[in-house]
Amino acid sequence: MRASLIQIRVDEGESVAERRLRAAGLVRAQAGADLVVLPELWTTGAFAYDTFATEAEPLEGPTHEAMAEAAREAGVWLHAGSIPERDPDGTLYNTALVFSPSGELAASYRKIHRFGFDQGEAVLMGAGREPVTVRLPKTTVGLATCYDLRFPELFRTLTDAGSEALVVSAGWPERRRAHWTLLARARAVENQAYVLACGTAGTHAGVPQAGHSIVVDPWGEVLAEAGADEEVLTVEFDPAKVAATREQFPALKDRVLGLDPPRA
């Protein structure tokens, strides 16, 4: 498979509408890829809390429309990052969108773990409740967003649901970049799966972003890593390596905790 992670730059000098058009153009330029990934909250910036309410949109709003068209024109599976979604009941969610090559919405995922420690996203947005996987022609991907990366139980749930590639869209801050790389590799090793983690560049509400989008194989080896600024990170990987790794080193079969209790 060929995956392209678009590490888009998010700065205050560019409007949401302008960045939406630019992101759509970047997606179209990835024709030939099997999977394209955008970061978390790239329309507003993950730390631009004061814009969430004003820029929130319905699930099938302008970002949905632009990304569906871009996926269709490029002929790619598109993880379009996440948007501040406004539910009909008024609740805001940090919601990821996945489109098929025909431009259909294949899945949406509301971020389960909200960041902020009783402020910011943690109080402004509702929490998702359902882990989400998407079956692609060559593999099954599990969806996670930014702060989710710190919660291994979500990734194990995605693995148990059949995921072979774990896709993380993020707006990860530069000051914790070492954690970003460490956790991406840990999630890959413990689940014996690929991790494709796409972050933003630039500065959100005064918070410099880590960039350094990364693709890790099931052994924890880094296949590709971006720098700090905007770029498209493209990598070829073999989904069959997941099954081969799990057969060669069958650690997942030795799990004891977290399994259903044995029947009497």
Protein backbone atom coordinates (compact mmCIF):
# COMPACT_ATOMS: atom_id res chain seq x y z
CA MET A 1 0.00 0.00 0.00
CA ARG A 2 0.99 3.58 -0.54
CA ALA A 3 0.00 6.12 2.12
CA SER A 4 0.45 9.88 2.07
CA LEU A 5 0.28 11.85 5.32
CA ILE A 6 -0.37 15.55 4.70
CA GLN A 7 1.29 17.48 7.52
CA ILE A 8 -0.52 20.71 6.81
CA ARG A 9 0.59 24.00 8.34
CA VAL A 10 -2.03 25.78 10.44
CA ASP A 11 -1.42 29.46 11.17
CA GLU A 12 -3.73 32.31 12.11
CA GLY A 13 -2.99 34.31 8.95
CA GLU A 14 -4.94 31.89 6.75
CA SER A 15 -8.73 31.69 6.98
CA VAL A 16 -10.52 28.39 7.45
CA ALA A 17 -12.06 28.70 3.98
CA GLU A 18 -8.65 29.34 2.39
CA ARG A 19 -7.06 26.42 4.22
CA ARG A 20 -9.94 24.14 3.26
CA LEU A 21 -9.35 24.91 -0.41
CA ARG A 22 -5.60 24.43 -0.02
CA ALA A 23 -6.05 21.10 1.79
CA ALA A 24 -8.37 19.88 -0.95
CA GLY A 25 -5.70 20.70 -3.52
CA LEU A 26 -3.09 18.80 -1.53
CA VAL A 27 -5.39 15.77 -1.40
CA ARG A 28 -5.98 15.90 -5.16
CA ALA A 29 -2.21 15.91 -5.68
CA GLN A 30 -1.98 12.48 -4.01
CA ALA A 31 -3.73 10.61 -6.82
CA GLY A 32 -2.20 7.13 -6.97
CA ALA A 33 -2.04 6.69 -3.20
CA ASP A 34 -4.17 4.05 -1.51
CA LEU A 35 -4.70 6.12 1.63
CA VAL A 36 -4.32 9.83 2.36
CA VAL A 37 -4.39 11.21 5.91
CA LEU A 38 -4.89 14.75 7.24
CA PRO A 39 -4.30 15.92 10.84
CA GLU A 40 -6.64 16.75 13.71
CA LEU A 41 -8.70 19.97 13.63
CA TRP A 42 -6.68 21.37 10.73
CA THR A 43 -9.50 23.77 9.85
CA THR A 44 -9.21 25.70 13.13
CA GLY A 45 -6.10 24.48 14.92
CA ALA A 46 -6.31 22.03 17.80
CA PHE A 47 -5.50 24.66 20.43
CA ALA A 48 -7.64 27.47 19.02
CA TYR A 49 -10.37 26.80 21.57
CA ASP A 50 -12.06 30.16 21.12
CA THR A 51 -12.85 29.32 17.47
CA PHE A 52 -14.44 25.91 18.03
CA ALA A 53 -17.97 27.23 18.50
CA THR A 54 -17.85 29.76 15.66
CA GLU A 55 -16.23 27.37 13.16
CA ALA A 56 -18.15 24.23 14.14
CA GLU A 57 -20.08 22.65 11.29
CA PRO A 58 -22.54 19.81 10.81
CA LEU A 59 -21.16 16.43 9.85
CA GLU A 60 -22.13 17.05 6.23
CA GLY A 61 -20.93 20.65 6.18
CA PRO A 62 -18.41 22.49 3.98
CA THR A 63 -15.41 20.39 5.01
CA HIS A 64 -17.33 17.19 4.29
CA GLU A 65 -18.26 18.56 0.87
CA ALA A 66 -14.72 19.68 -0.01
CA MET A 67 -13.05 16.48 1.19
CA ALA A 68 -15.57 14.17 -0.46
CA GLU A 69 -14.96 15.89 -3.79
CA ALA A 70 -11.17 15.78 -3.33
CA ALA A 71 -11.23 12.06 -2.45
CA ARG A 72 -13.38 11.34 -5.49
CA GLU A 73 -11.20 13.35 -7.88
CA ALA A 74 -7.99 11.79 -6.54
CA GLY A 75 -9.52 8.31 -6.39
CA VAL A 76 -8.16 7.68 -2.86
CA TRP A 77 -9.32 6.57 0.53
CA LEU A 78 -9.15 9.75 2.58
CA HIS A 79 -8.92 10.11 6.33
CA ALA A 80 -9.79 13.81 6.27
CA GLY A 81 -8.50 14.50 9.77
CA SER A 82 -11.05 15.87 12.20
CA ILE A 83 -13.37 18.86 12.38
CA PRO A 84 -15.25 20.62 15.18
CA GLU A 85 -18.63 19.01 14.54
CA ARG A 86 -21.87 20.50 15.83
CA ASP A 87 -24.47 17.85 16.54
CA PRO A 88 -28.13 18.76 15.91
CA ASP A 89 -28.58 18.91 19.70
CA GLY A 90 -25.91 21.63 19.86
CA THR A 91 -23.10 19.51 21.35
CA LEU A 92 -19.65 19.96 19.80
CA TYR A 93 -17.49 16.94 18.99
CA ASN A 94 -13.97 16.46 17.65
CA THR A 95 -14.97 14.26 14.73
CA ALA A 96 -12.82 12.45 12.17
CA LEU A 97 -14.16 11.75 8.69
CA VAL A 98 -13.14 8.93 6.32
CA PHE A 99 -14.15 8.96 2.65
CA SER A 100 -14.03 6.22 0.04
CA PRO A 101 -12.55 6.79 -3.44
CA SER A 102 -16.08 7.42 -4.69
CA GLY A 103 -16.44 10.32 -2.26
CA GLU A 104 -18.87 8.54 0.07
CA LEU A 105 -18.52 9.01 3.82
CA ALA A 106 -17.31 5.56 4.90
CA ALA A 107 -16.97 6.31 8.62
CA SER A 108 -16.88 9.02 11.24
CA TYR A 109 -15.23 8.86 14.66
CA ARG A 110 -15.89 11.16 17.59
CA LYS A 111 -12.75 11.50 19.71
CA ILE A 112 -13.14 9.52 22.92
CA HIS A 113 -10.39 11.03 25.06
CA ARG A 114 -10.63 14.83 25.23
CA PHE A 115 -7.56 16.84 26.13
CA GLY A 116 -7.47 19.73 28.57
CA PHE A 117 -7.66 18.59 32.20
CA ASP A 118 -11.03 20.24 32.90
CA GLN A 119 -10.49 23.07 30.44
CA GLY A 120 -10.23 23.59 26.68
CA GLU A 121 -11.41 20.67 24.58
CA ALA A 122 -12.29 18.66 27.70
CA VAL A 123 -15.12 21.06 28.59
CA LEU A 124 -15.99 22.52 25.18
CA MET A 125 -16.60 19.23 23.40
CA GLY A 126 -18.58 16.08 24.08
CA ALA A 127 -16.86 12.70 24.31
CA GLY A 128 -17.24 10.02 21.70
CA ARG A 129 -18.16 6.56 22.91
CA GLU A 130 -17.60 4.14 20.04
CA PRO A 131 -14.25 2.85 18.70
CA VAL A 132 -14.31 2.81 14.89
CA THR A 133 -12.60 0.64 12.29
CA VAL A 134 -12.80 0.90 8.51
CA ARG A 135 -12.26 -1.94 6.08
CA LEU A 136 -10.13 -0.88 3.10
CA PRO A 137 -9.50 -3.21 0.15
CA LYS A 138 -6.05 -4.22 1.43
CA THR A 139 -6.30 -3.80 5.22
CA THR A 140 -8.48 -2.74 8.13
CA VAL A 141 -7.67 0.56 9.83
CA GLY A 142 -8.56 1.67 13.33
CA LEU A 143 -9.17 5.35 14.03
CA ALA A 144 -7.74 7.45 16.86
CA THR A 145 -7.22 11.16 17.45
CA CYS A 146 -4.30 12.87 19.19
CA TYR A 147 -4.73 12.49 22.98
CA ASP A 148 -6.17 9.01 22.33
CA LEU A 149 -2.56 7.97 21.68
CA ARG A 150 -1.93 7.95 25.45
CA PHE A 151 -4.60 5.31 26.11
CA PRO A 152 -3.42 1.85 25.03
CA GLU A 153 -6.74 0.21 25.86
CA LEU A 154 -8.36 1.98 22.90
CA PHE A 155 -5.72 0.63 20.54
CA ARG A 156 -6.06 -2.88 21.91
CA THR A 157 -9.82 -2.62 21.34
CA LEU A 158 -9.16 -1.56 17.73
CA THR A 159 -6.76 -4.47 17.31
CA ASP A 160 -9.30 -6.91 18.69
CA ALA A 161 -11.76 -5.51 16.13
CA GLY A 162 -9.41 -6.53 13.32
CA SER A 163 -7.24 -3.45 12.79
CA GLU A 164 -3.90 -3.98 11.10
CA ALA A 165 -3.13 -0.27 10.68
CA LEU A 166 -3.82 2.31 13.38
CA VAL A 167 -4.33 5.81 11.98
CA VAL A 168 -3.85 8.76 14.32
CA SER A 169 -4.65 12.33 13.31
CA ALA A 170 -3.24 14.90 15.72
CA GLY A 171 -2.44 18.46 16.64
CA TRP A 172 0.45 17.51 18.93
CA PRO A 173 2.47 20.28 20.63
CA GLU A 174 6.20 20.64 20.05
CA ARG A 175 6.98 20.66 23.78
CA ARG A 176 5.87 17.01 24.04
CA ARG A 177 7.25 15.78 20.71
CA ALA A 178 9.36 13.08 22.40
CA HIS A 179 6.14 11.53 23.75
CA TRP A 180 4.60 11.59 20.26
CA THR A 181 7.35 9.45 18.77
CA LEU A 182 7.62 7.16 21.79
CA LEU A 183 3.89 6.49 22.01
CA ALA A 184 3.48 5.91 18.28
CA ARG A 185 6.19 3.26 18.39
CA ALA A 186 4.77 1.72 21.57
CA ARG A 187 1.27 1.40 20.09
CA ALA A 188 2.78 -0.31 17.03
CA VAL A 189 4.88 -2.77 19.05
CA GLU A 190 2.23 -3.76 21.58
CA ASN A 191 -0.42 -4.32 18.90
CA GLN A 192 1.91 -5.64 16.22
CA ALA A 193 0.32 -3.25 13.76
CA TYR A 194 1.29 -0.33 11.57
CA VAL A 195 0.83 3.12 13.07
CA LEU A 196 0.32 6.05 10.71
CA ALA A 197 0.34 9.23 12.79
CA CYS A 198 -0.26 12.56 11.05
CA GLY A 199 0.23 15.85 12.89
CA THR A 200 0.11 19.53 12.02
CA ALA A 201 2.84 22.09 11.50
CA GLY A 202 2.63 25.77 12.39
CA THR A 203 1.31 27.39 15.56
CA HIS A 204 -2.22 27.09 17.00
CA ALA A 205 -3.22 29.90 19.36
CA GLY A 206 0.39 30.45 20.33
CA VAL A 207 1.18 26.72 20.71
CA PRO A 208 3.98 25.55 18.35
CA GLN A 209 3.15 22.20 16.75
CA ALA A 210 5.41 19.16 16.72
CA GLY A 211 5.01 18.14 13.10
CA HIS A 212 7.11 14.97 12.70
CA SER A 213 4.33 12.81 11.30
CA ILE A 214 5.48 9.22 11.48
CA VAL A 215 4.83 5.76 10.05
CA VAL A 216 5.87 2.78 12.19
CA ASP A 217 5.83 -0.90 11.24
CA PRO A 218 4.60 -3.81 13.42
CA TRP A 219 8.10 -4.31 14.88
CA GLY A 220 8.30 -0.68 15.97
CA GLU A 221 10.69 0.35 13.21
CA VAL A 222 10.20 3.86 11.83
CA LEU A 223 9.54 3.62 8.10
CA ALA A 224 9.31 7.36 7.54
CA GLU A 225 9.21 10.55 9.57
CA ALA A 226 8.50 14.13 8.54
CA GLY A 227 10.26 17.26 9.72
CA ALA A 228 8.75 20.20 11.58
CA ASP A 229 7.23 22.18 8.69
CA GLU A 230 4.48 21.45 6.19
CA GLU A 231 5.17 18.46 3.96
CA VAL A 232 3.61 15.35 2.49
CA LEU A 233 5.10 12.18 3.94
CA THR A 234 4.62 9.26 1.54
CA VAL A 235 5.51 5.66 2.36
CA GLU A 236 5.00 2.21 0.88
CA PHE A 237 4.12 -0.58 3.30
CA ASP A 238 3.01 -4.20 3.10
CA PRO A 239 -0.16 -5.03 5.07
CA ALA A 240 0.78 -8.74 4.97
CA LYS A 241 3.63 -7.97 7.38
CA VAL A 242 1.11 -7.67 10.21
CA ALA A 243 -0.02 -11.29 10.00
CA ALA A 244 3.57 -12.43 9.46
CA THR A 245 4.76 -10.56 12.54
CA ARG A 246 1.95 -11.90 14.70
CA GLU A 247 2.73 -15.44 13.54
CA GLN A 248 6.48 -15.09 13.99
CA PHE A 249 6.18 -13.53 17.46
CA PRO A 250 2.71 -14.49 18.76
CA ALA A 251 2.67 -12.29 21.86
CA LEU A 252 -0.98 -11.34 21.44
CA LYS A 253 -1.93 -14.98 22.04
CA ASP A 254 -0.38 -14.82 25.52
CA ARG A 255 -2.69 -12.10 26.80
CA VAL A 256 -4.21 -12.76 30.20
CA LEU A 257 -5.74 -9.49 31.44
CA GLY A 258 -8.53 -7.70 29.63
CA LEU A 259 -10.02 -10.87 28.19
CA ASP A 260 -13.50 -12.21 28.88
CA PRO A 261 -13.45 -14.43 31.97
CA PRO A 262 -13.42 -18.15 31.26
CA ARG A 263 -16.77 -19.87 31.38
CA ALA A 264 -17.40 -22.27 34.22
